[in-house]
Protein backbone atom coordinates (compact mmCIF):
# COMPACT_ATOMS: atom_id res chain seq x y z
CA MET A 1 20.80 -5.92 -71.89
CA LYS A 2 22.67 -3.20 -69.95
CA LYS A 3 19.43 -2.28 -68.16
CA VAL A 4 18.90 -5.89 -67.04
CA PHE A 5 22.51 -6.07 -65.82
CA LYS A 6 22.12 -2.87 -63.78
CA MET A 7 18.90 -4.15 -62.22
CA ALA A 8 20.65 -7.39 -61.24
CA ILE A 9 23.46 -5.45 -59.53
CA ILE A 10 20.94 -3.33 -57.60
CA ALA A 11 19.08 -6.47 -56.49
CA VAL A 12 22.32 -8.03 -55.18
CA MET A 13 23.18 -4.84 -53.30
CA ILE A 14 19.73 -4.75 -51.64
CA LEU A 15 20.07 -8.42 -50.65
CA CYS A 16 23.50 -7.78 -49.07
CA MET A 17 22.16 -4.82 -47.11
CA GLY A 18 19.33 -6.98 -45.79
CA LEU A 19 21.75 -9.68 -44.66
CA CYS A 20 23.90 -7.10 -42.85
CA ILE A 21 20.87 -5.74 -41.00
CA THR A 22 19.69 -9.19 -39.86
CA THR A 23 23.14 -10.20 -38.60
CA ILE A 24 23.93 -6.93 -36.81
CA ALA A 25 20.59 -6.39 -35.05
CA PRO A 26 20.67 -9.50 -32.81
CA SER A 27 24.15 -8.64 -31.48
CA ARG A 28 22.88 -5.26 -30.26
CA SER A 29 20.02 -6.88 -28.37
CA VAL A 30 22.43 -9.34 -26.76
CA GLU A 31 24.62 -6.47 -25.51
CA THR A 32 21.55 -4.80 -24.00
CA ALA A 33 20.45 -8.03 -22.34
CA TYR A 34 23.77 -8.35 -20.52
CA ALA A 35 23.94 -4.71 -19.45
CA ALA A 36 22.43 -5.56 -16.01
CA VAL A 37 20.82 -2.14 -15.70
CA TYR A 38 17.54 -1.74 -13.86
CA GLN A 39 15.37 1.37 -13.81
CA GLN A 40 11.78 2.55 -13.38
CA GLY A 41 9.55 0.11 -15.25
CA SER A 42 11.78 -2.93 -14.65
CA THR A 43 10.28 -5.99 -12.92
CA GLY A 44 11.50 -9.33 -11.59
CA SER A 45 13.38 -11.08 -8.82
CA VAL A 46 16.32 -8.66 -8.83
CA ILE A 47 13.95 -5.76 -8.15
CA LYS A 48 12.32 -7.72 -5.33
CA THR A 49 15.70 -8.45 -3.72
CA MET A 50 16.66 -4.80 -4.12
CA GLN A 51 13.43 -3.60 -2.51
CA ARG A 52 13.83 -6.02 0.41
CA LYS A 53 17.37 -4.83 1.14
CA LEU A 54 16.47 -1.15 0.82
CA LYS A 55 13.50 -1.69 3.12
CA ASN A 56 15.59 -3.56 5.73
CA TRP A 57 18.17 -0.78 5.68
CA GLY A 58 15.61 2.01 6.05
CA TYR A 59 15.75 3.48 2.54
CA TYR A 60 12.41 2.19 1.24
CA LYS A 61 8.91 2.13 2.71
CA GLY A 62 6.91 0.69 -0.19
CA ALA A 63 5.76 -2.82 -1.03
CA VAL A 64 8.25 -5.57 -1.89
CA ASP A 65 6.47 -6.50 -5.12
CA GLY A 66 9.26 -6.75 -7.69
CA ILE A 67 8.02 -3.69 -9.58
CA PHE A 68 10.45 -0.77 -10.03
CA GLY A 69 8.09 2.15 -9.49
CA SER A 70 8.61 5.77 -8.49
CA LYS A 71 8.96 4.92 -4.77
CA THR A 72 11.67 2.38 -5.53
CA ARG A 73 13.45 4.91 -7.73
CA GLU A 74 13.46 7.49 -4.92
CA ALA A 75 14.76 4.85 -2.49
CA VAL A 76 17.55 3.96 -4.92
CA LYS A 77 18.50 7.65 -5.26
CA TYR A 78 18.55 7.98 -1.46
CA PHE A 79 20.82 4.92 -1.21
CA GLN A 80 23.10 6.22 -3.97
CA ARG A 81 23.36 9.63 -2.31
CA LYS A 82 24.32 8.11 1.05
CA ASN A 83 26.89 5.76 -0.51
CA GLY A 84 28.76 8.18 -2.76
CA LEU A 85 27.32 6.77 -6.00
CA LYS A 86 26.02 8.61 -9.05
CA VAL A 87 22.53 9.75 -8.03
CA ASP A 88 20.35 8.90 -11.04
CA GLY A 89 17.86 6.33 -9.73
CA ILE A 90 19.24 3.75 -12.17
CA VAL A 91 20.66 0.52 -10.77
CA GLY A 92 23.75 -0.42 -12.76
CA PRO A 93 26.72 -2.64 -11.82
CA LYS A 94 28.14 -0.25 -9.18
CA THR A 95 24.84 0.19 -7.36
CA LEU A 96 24.15 -3.54 -7.54
CA SER A 97 27.58 -4.21 -6.04
CA ALA A 98 26.98 -1.70 -3.23
CA LEU A 99 23.66 -3.42 -2.51
CA GLY A 100 25.38 -6.80 -2.41
CA ILE A 101 23.27 -8.14 -5.30
CA SER A 102 24.41 -10.19 -8.27
CA SER A 103 22.74 -9.69 -11.67
CA SER A 104 20.85 -12.96 -11.11
CA GLY A 105 19.12 -11.46 -8.08
CA GLY A 106 20.92 -13.28 -5.28
CA ASN A 107 23.20 -11.98 -2.57
CA SER A 108 26.78 -11.59 -3.76
CA SER A 109 28.09 -12.84 -0.43
CA SER A 110 27.09 -15.20 2.35
CA SER A 111 24.10 -14.48 4.56
CA SER A 112 24.52 -13.85 8.26
CA SER A 113 22.51 -17.04 8.80
CA ASN A 114 25.68 -18.95 7.92
CA TYR A 115 27.41 -17.48 10.97
CA SER A 116 26.89 -17.98 14.69
CA ASP A 117 25.66 -15.38 17.17
CA ALA A 118 29.22 -15.29 18.47
CA ASP A 119 30.43 -14.26 14.99
CA VAL A 120 27.86 -11.46 14.80
CA ALA A 121 28.81 -10.26 18.28
CA LEU A 122 32.53 -10.36 17.47
CA LEU A 123 32.11 -8.37 14.27
CA ALA A 124 29.90 -5.87 16.11
CA ARG A 125 32.62 -5.42 18.74
CA LEU A 126 35.24 -4.81 16.06
CA ILE A 127 33.01 -2.28 14.29
CA TYR A 128 32.32 -0.50 17.58
CA GLY A 129 36.00 -0.44 18.48
CA GLU A 130 37.18 0.68 15.05
CA ALA A 131 34.42 2.96 13.75
CA ARG A 132 31.87 3.98 16.41
CA GLY A 133 32.49 7.64 15.53
CA GLU A 134 31.78 7.07 11.84
CA SER A 135 28.47 7.27 9.97
CA TYR A 136 26.32 4.15 9.75
CA VAL A 137 27.56 3.48 6.22
CA GLY A 138 31.12 3.88 7.47
CA GLN A 139 30.48 1.27 10.16
CA VAL A 140 29.00 -1.18 7.65
CA ALA A 141 32.06 -0.56 5.46
CA VAL A 142 34.44 -1.69 8.22
CA GLY A 143 32.38 -4.86 8.60
CA ALA A 144 32.43 -5.37 4.83
CA VAL A 145 36.26 -5.33 4.84
CA VAL A 146 36.22 -8.20 7.32
CA MET A 147 33.76 -10.14 5.15
CA ASN A 148 35.88 -9.50 2.05
CA ARG A 149 38.94 -10.83 3.85
CA ILE A 150 37.11 -14.00 4.85
CA LYS A 151 36.39 -14.62 1.16
CA SER A 152 39.95 -13.79 0.06
CA ALA A 153 42.58 -16.52 -0.23
CA SER A 154 45.12 -14.06 1.21
CA PHE A 155 43.48 -14.04 4.66
CA PRO A 156 42.09 -16.53 7.19
CA ASN A 157 38.66 -17.91 6.26
CA THR A 158 36.88 -17.45 9.59
CA MET A 159 35.54 -14.42 11.43
CA ALA A 160 37.81 -14.89 14.44
CA GLY A 161 40.77 -15.73 12.22
CA VAL A 162 40.49 -12.47 10.29
CA ILE A 163 39.74 -10.24 13.26
CA TYR A 164 42.44 -11.65 15.52
CA GLN A 165 45.09 -11.90 12.83
CA ARG A 166 48.23 -10.29 14.22
CA TYR A 167 48.45 -6.50 13.69
CA ALA A 168 45.30 -6.54 11.54
CA PHE A 169 43.14 -4.13 13.55
CA THR A 170 44.02 -1.37 16.01
CA ALA A 171 40.97 -2.14 18.17
CA VAL A 172 42.35 -5.60 18.86
CA ASP A 173 45.82 -4.29 19.68
CA ASP A 174 44.63 -1.59 22.09
CA GLY A 175 41.85 -3.59 23.71
CA GLN A 176 38.85 -1.68 22.33
CA ILE A 177 37.63 -4.97 20.88
CA ASN A 178 36.49 -5.79 24.43
CA LEU A 179 34.09 -2.84 24.66
CA SER A 180 30.36 -3.63 24.59
CA PRO A 181 28.94 -2.68 21.17
CA ASN A 182 25.71 -0.72 20.82
CA ALA A 183 22.69 -1.71 18.72
CA THR A 184 23.95 0.34 15.77
CA ALA A 185 27.22 -1.60 15.59
CA ARG A 186 25.35 -4.90 15.74
CA LYS A 187 22.98 -3.86 12.95
CA ALA A 188 25.98 -2.73 10.88
CA ALA A 189 27.56 -6.15 11.45
CA GLU A 190 24.40 -7.92 10.30
CA ASP A 191 24.12 -5.73 7.19
CA ALA A 192 27.76 -6.39 6.26
CA MET A 193 27.26 -10.13 6.79
CA ASN A 194 24.13 -10.00 4.61
CA GLY A 195 26.11 -8.64 1.68
CA TRP A 196 26.07 -4.85 1.86
CA ASP A 197 29.49 -3.71 0.72
CA PRO A 198 29.87 0.08 0.43
CA THR A 199 33.63 -0.44 -0.13
CA TYR A 200 33.41 -2.17 -3.54
CA GLY A 201 35.48 -5.15 -2.45
CA ALA A 202 38.08 -3.38 -0.28
CA LEU A 203 40.45 -5.49 1.80
CA TYR A 204 42.01 -2.60 3.72
CA TYR A 205 41.08 0.73 5.24
CA TYR A 206 43.03 3.45 6.99
CA ASN A 207 42.81 6.96 8.36
CA PRO A 208 45.23 9.04 6.23
CA SER A 209 45.77 11.52 9.07
CA THR A 210 47.02 8.85 11.49
CA ALA A 211 48.38 6.04 9.29
CA THR A 212 52.11 5.42 9.73
CA SER A 213 52.67 2.62 7.22
CA ALA A 214 54.00 3.84 3.87
CA TRP A 215 52.82 0.56 2.31
CA ILE A 216 49.14 1.25 2.89
CA PHE A 217 49.33 4.42 0.78
CA THR A 218 50.38 2.28 -2.21
CA ARG A 219 47.08 0.41 -2.25
CA LYS A 220 44.44 1.32 -4.84
CA THR A 221 41.63 3.36 -3.29
CA THR A 222 38.07 2.18 -3.92
CA VAL A 223 36.17 4.79 -1.89
CA THR A 224 36.52 7.24 1.00
CA ILE A 225 33.82 7.15 3.68
CA GLY A 226 34.15 9.59 6.55
CA ARG A 227 37.69 9.51 7.91
CA HIS A 228 38.50 6.12 6.38
CA VAL A 229 40.02 5.42 2.99
CA PHE A 230 39.14 1.94 1.68
CA ALA A 231 41.51 0.13 -0.66
CA ILE A 232 42.35 -3.16 -2.37
C-alpha cells in the first residue's frame, strides 16, 4: 500500500513539472519574437528597407534582396561605426532608430516626398548655415533635429515654422540661412527628411564651447557628433 502511495505522489510530481514546462516555454518565445533584433541569416521586409537605406546612403553595395548576408552585416558595422553605435553587425532597437526604421519595416518618420522642393531647399540652407564644417552625419543630425521639432507638439508643425521660430537657430539670426547650400547639405536634408536620425530623437543641439545659455546644459544628452551635443 505504501509503495502504491509513493508511486502516486511521484506521478503527480512529474505531471506538475510537465505543466510548468509547457506554460513557461511559450512565454520565452514571445519575448524573443518582440526583441526586434536582426542579424546575419535574418530575412524579410525590414532587411530590405535596411538594405535600401544603407545603399542610398553609401554604406552598402550589394543587392536589395531582403536577405541579411555577410555584405549586409559589413554595411551595418560600417554604419554603426560612423554613427557612434556599438559595432557588432547586429541591428537592435538603437540601430533601427538611427536608420529611421520601425520594427514593422517602415520609415519611422515622414518621407521627403511629403514636402515641397522649397522645404528641401530651406532645410538644406539651414544645414549649410549651421553645420557646413561638420561631418556628413553631423549635418544630417542638424536636419533631424528640425524634423523632430516638426513632429513635436512643443514646436511649430511646418518646416518654415520651425526654422524661422524666433531665436531658434543662429544661422537665421546672423543671416547665414541666406547662403547657397552645396550638394552635400541638400543630400543631408533629404536623408533627414527620409527618416535618418543620428540624434535619437533630439530636439536641441549646441556647441559646448560657445553656448551661453545655462538652460541648454540642463537638457539630457542623447549623443555628441563632432562639435555639437544633441539633447532632448
